[in-house]
Amino acid sequence: MKAFLIGTIVAVALATAAALVLDNEVQRTAEQHYQTGAVRL
């Protein structure tokens, strides 16, 4: 039972850390993603 609780806590911590990294480092806002200022259509 103790190992299950520790595993659950570790899994939650890793998921939280991954979500923070994705939000802050990887994902861009829609405005940043679809910038077409340098593109001549």
PDB file of N, CA and C in Angstrom:
ATOM      1  N   MET A   1       0.834  -1.199   0.000  1.00  0.00           N
ATOM      2  CA  MET A   1       0.000   0.000   0.000  1.00  0.00           C
ATOM      3  C   MET A   1       0.870   1.252   0.000  1.00  0.00           C
ATOM      4  N   LYS A   2       1.969   1.187   0.754  1.00  0.00           N
ATOM      5  CA  LYS A   2       2.860   2.340   0.830  1.00  0.00           C
ATOM      6  C   LYS A   2       3.484   2.637  -0.536  1.00  0.00           C
ATOM      7  N   ALA A   3       3.879   1.588  -1.255  1.00  0.00           N
ATOM      8  CA  ALA A   3       4.481   1.776  -2.576  1.00  0.00           C
ATOM      9  C   ALA A   3       3.469   2.366  -3.552  1.00  0.00           C
ATOM     10  N   PHE A   4       2.218   1.947  -3.447  1.00  0.00           N
ATOM     11  CA  PHE A   4       1.180   2.491  -4.323  1.00  0.00           C
ATOM     12  C   PHE A   4       1.006   3.984  -4.088  1.00  0.00           C
ATOM     13  N   LEU A   5       0.968   4.392  -2.833  1.00  0.00           N
ATOM     14  CA  LEU A   5       0.807   5.815  -2.519  1.00  0.00           C
ATOM     15  C   LEU A   5       1.998   6.625  -3.016  1.00  0.00           C
ATOM     16  N   ILE A   6       3.195   6.108  -2.834  1.00  0.00           N
ATOM     17  CA  ILE A   6       4.386   6.823  -3.305  1.00  0.00           C
ATOM     18  C   ILE A   6       4.371   6.920  -4.825  1.00  0.00           C
ATOM     19  N   GLY A   7       4.000   5.831  -5.487  1.00  0.00           N
ATOM     20  CA  GLY A   7       3.910   5.850  -6.946  1.00  0.00           C
ATOM     21  C   GLY A   7       2.885   6.841  -7.453  1.00  0.00           C
ATOM     22  N   THR A   8       1.758   6.916  -6.775  1.00  0.00           N
ATOM     23  CA  THR A   8       0.717   7.870  -7.162  1.00  0.00           C
ATOM     24  C   THR A   8       1.197   9.303  -6.998  1.00  0.00           C
ATOM     25  N   ILE A   9       1.852   9.573  -5.883  1.00  0.00           N
ATOM     26  CA  ILE A   9       2.369  10.922  -5.624  1.00  0.00           C
ATOM     27  C   ILE A   9       3.417  11.300  -6.667  1.00  0.00           C
ATOM     28  N   VAL A  10       4.301  10.371  -6.998  1.00  0.00           N
ATOM     29  CA  VAL A  10       5.322  10.637  -8.014  1.00  0.00           C
ATOM     30  C   VAL A  10       4.679  10.876  -9.373  1.00  0.00           C
ATOM     31  N   ALA A  11       3.671  10.100  -9.731  1.00  0.00           N
ATOM     32  CA  ALA A  11       2.987  10.266 -11.011  1.00  0.00           C
ATOM     33  C   ALA A  11       2.309  11.631 -11.099  1.00  0.00           C
ATOM     34  N   VAL A  12       1.669  12.047 -10.013  1.00  0.00           N
ATOM     35  CA  VAL A  12       1.014  13.366 -10.000  1.00  0.00           C
ATOM     36  C   VAL A  12       2.052  14.473 -10.129  1.00  0.00           C
ATOM     37  N   ALA A  13       3.174  14.325  -9.438  1.00  0.00           N
ATOM     38  CA  ALA A  13       4.229  15.341  -9.511  1.00  0.00           C
ATOM     39  C   ALA A  13       4.799  15.431 -10.920  1.00  0.00           C
ATOM     40  N   LEU A  14       5.036  14.286 -11.565  1.00  0.00           N
ATOM     41  CA  LEU A  14       5.569  14.301 -12.931  1.00  0.00           C
ATOM     42  C   LEU A  14       4.567  14.898 -13.912  1.00  0.00           C
ATOM     43  N   ALA A  15       3.303  14.582 -13.751  1.00  0.00           N
ATOM     44  CA  ALA A  15       2.276  15.141 -14.642  1.00  0.00           C
ATOM     45  C   ALA A  15       2.179  16.654 -14.481  1.00  0.00           C
ATOM     46  N   THR A  16       2.258  17.118 -13.245  1.00  0.00           N
ATOM     47  CA  THR A  16       2.202  18.564 -12.996  1.00  0.00           C
ATOM     48  C   THR A  16       3.411  19.262 -13.600  1.00  0.00           C
ATOM     49  N   ALA A  17       4.583  18.684 -13.407  1.00  0.00           N
ATOM     50  CA  ALA A  17       5.796  19.276 -13.970  1.00  0.00           C
ATOM     51  C   ALA A  17       5.734  19.294 -15.494  1.00  0.00           C
ATOM     52  N   ALA A  18       5.257  18.220 -16.100  1.00  0.00           N
ATOM     53  CA  ALA A  18       5.146  18.167 -17.560  1.00  0.00           C
ATOM     54  C   ALA A  18       4.165  19.206 -18.073  1.00  0.00           C
ATOM     55  N   ALA A  19       3.060  19.388 -17.380  1.00  0.00           N
ATOM     56  CA  ALA A  19       2.077  20.390 -17.798  1.00  0.00           C
ATOM     57  C   ALA A  19       2.675  21.793 -17.730  1.00  0.00           C
ATOM     58  N   LEU A  20       3.423  22.072 -16.678  1.00  0.00           N
ATOM     59  CA  LEU A  20       4.048  23.394 -16.554  1.00  0.00           C
ATOM     60  C   LEU A  20       5.071  23.627 -17.661  1.00  0.00           C
ATOM     61  N   VAL A  21       5.874  22.621 -17.959  1.00  0.00           N
ATOM     62  CA  VAL A  21       6.873  22.763 -19.019  1.00  0.00           C
ATOM     63  C   VAL A  21       6.196  22.986 -20.360  1.00  0.00           C
ATOM     64  N   LEU A  22       5.135  22.229 -20.648  1.00  0.00           N
ATOM     65  CA  LEU A  22       4.436  22.407 -21.914  1.00  0.00           C
ATOM     66  C   LEU A  22       3.824  23.797 -22.020  1.00  0.00           C
ATOM     67  N   ASP A  23       3.214  24.258 -20.953  1.00  0.00           N
ATOM     68  CA  ASP A  23       2.574  25.576 -20.981  1.00  0.00           C
ATOM     69  C   ASP A  23       3.594  26.698 -21.146  1.00  0.00           C
ATOM     70  N   ASN A  24       4.741  26.566 -20.494  1.00  0.00           N
ATOM     71  CA  ASN A  24       5.701  27.673 -20.481  1.00  0.00           C
ATOM     72  C   ASN A  24       6.721  27.614 -21.612  1.00  0.00           C
ATOM     73  N   GLU A  25       7.068  26.454 -22.098  1.00  0.00           N
ATOM     74  CA  GLU A  25       8.171  26.340 -23.033  1.00  0.00           C
ATOM     75  C   GLU A  25       7.742  25.915 -24.440  1.00  0.00           C
ATOM     76  N   VAL A  26       6.773  25.045 -24.564  1.00  0.00           N
ATOM     77  CA  VAL A  26       6.488  24.417 -25.850  1.00  0.00           C
ATOM     78  C   VAL A  26       5.344  25.091 -26.574  1.00  0.00           C
ATOM     79  N   GLN A  27       4.237  25.233 -25.899  1.00  0.00           N
ATOM     80  CA  GLN A  27       3.041  25.742 -26.564  1.00  0.00           C
ATOM     81  C   GLN A  27       3.142  27.242 -26.786  1.00  0.00           C
ATOM     82  N   ARG A  28       2.592  27.656 -27.922  1.00  0.00           N
ATOM     83  CA  ARG A  28       2.526  29.074 -28.243  1.00  0.00           C
ATOM     84  C   ARG A  28       1.065  29.489 -28.338  1.00  0.00           C
ATOM     85  N   THR A  29       0.831  30.760 -28.156  1.00  0.00           N
ATOM     86  CA  THR A  29      -0.533  31.249 -28.288  1.00  0.00           C
ATOM     87  C   THR A  29      -0.940  31.201 -29.752  1.00  0.00           C
ATOM     88  N   ALA A  30      -2.222  31.282 -30.001  1.00  0.00           N
ATOM     89  CA  ALA A  30      -2.719  31.265 -31.375  1.00  0.00           C
ATOM     90  C   ALA A  30      -2.147  32.431 -32.166  1.00  0.00           C
ATOM     91  N   GLU A  31      -2.014  33.585 -31.539  1.00  0.00           N
ATOM     92  CA  GLU A  31      -1.466  34.758 -32.218  1.00  0.00           C
ATOM     93  C   GLU A  31      -0.017  34.526 -32.629  1.00  0.00           C
ATOM     94  N   GLN A  32       0.772  33.919 -31.753  1.00  0.00           N
ATOM     95  CA  GLN A  32       2.163  33.626 -32.093  1.00  0.00           C
ATOM     96  C   GLN A  32       2.255  32.553 -33.163  1.00  0.00           C
ATOM     97  N   HIS A  33       1.368  31.573 -33.106  1.00  0.00           N
ATOM     98  CA  HIS A  33       1.432  30.443 -34.024  1.00  0.00           C
ATOM     99  C   HIS A  33       1.043  30.845 -35.436  1.00  0.00           C
ATOM    100  N   TYR A  34       0.099  31.742 -35.588  1.00  0.00           N
ATOM    101  CA  TYR A  34      -0.423  32.081 -36.901  1.00  0.00           C
ATOM    102  C   TYR A  34       0.008  33.463 -37.372  1.00  0.00           C
ATOM    103  N   GLN A  35       1.192  33.885 -36.998  1.00  0.00           N
ATOM    104  CA  GLN A  35       1.686  35.174 -37.468  1.00  0.00           C
ATOM    105  C   GLN A  35       1.992  35.089 -38.954  1.00  0.00           C
ATOM    106  N   THR A  36       1.485  36.031 -39.695  1.00  0.00           N
ATOM    107  CA  THR A  36       1.760  36.064 -41.137  1.00  0.00           C
ATOM    108  C   THR A  36       2.260  37.445 -41.556  1.00  0.00           C
ATOM    109  N   GLY A  37       2.907  38.142 -40.642  1.00  0.00           N
ATOM    110  CA  GLY A  37       3.390  39.482 -40.956  1.00  0.00           C
ATOM    111  C   GLY A  37       4.448  39.484 -42.043  1.00  0.00           C
ATOM    112  N   ALA A  38       5.289  38.470 -42.106  1.00  0.00           N
ATOM    113  CA  ALA A  38       6.370  38.427 -43.076  1.00  0.00           C
ATOM    114  C   ALA A  38       5.982  37.690 -44.358  1.00  0.00           C
ATOM    115  N   VAL A  39       4.755  37.196 -44.408  1.00  0.00           N
ATOM    116  CA  VAL A  39       4.325  36.430 -45.572  1.00  0.00           C
ATOM    117  C   VAL A  39       3.514  37.327 -46.494  1.00  0.00           C
ATOM    118  N   ARG A  40       3.871  37.311 -47.757  1.00  0.00           N
ATOM    119  CA  ARG A  40       3.127  38.102 -48.730  1.00  0.00           C
ATOM    120  C   ARG A  40       2.180  37.175 -49.473  1.00  0.00           C
ATOM    121  N   LEU A  41       0.916  37.414 -49.279  1.00  0.00           N
ATOM    122  CA  LEU A  41      -0.094  36.559 -49.925  1.00  0.00           C
ATOM    123  C   LEU A  41      -0.600  37.203 -51.198  1.00  0.00           C
TER     124      LEU A  41
END
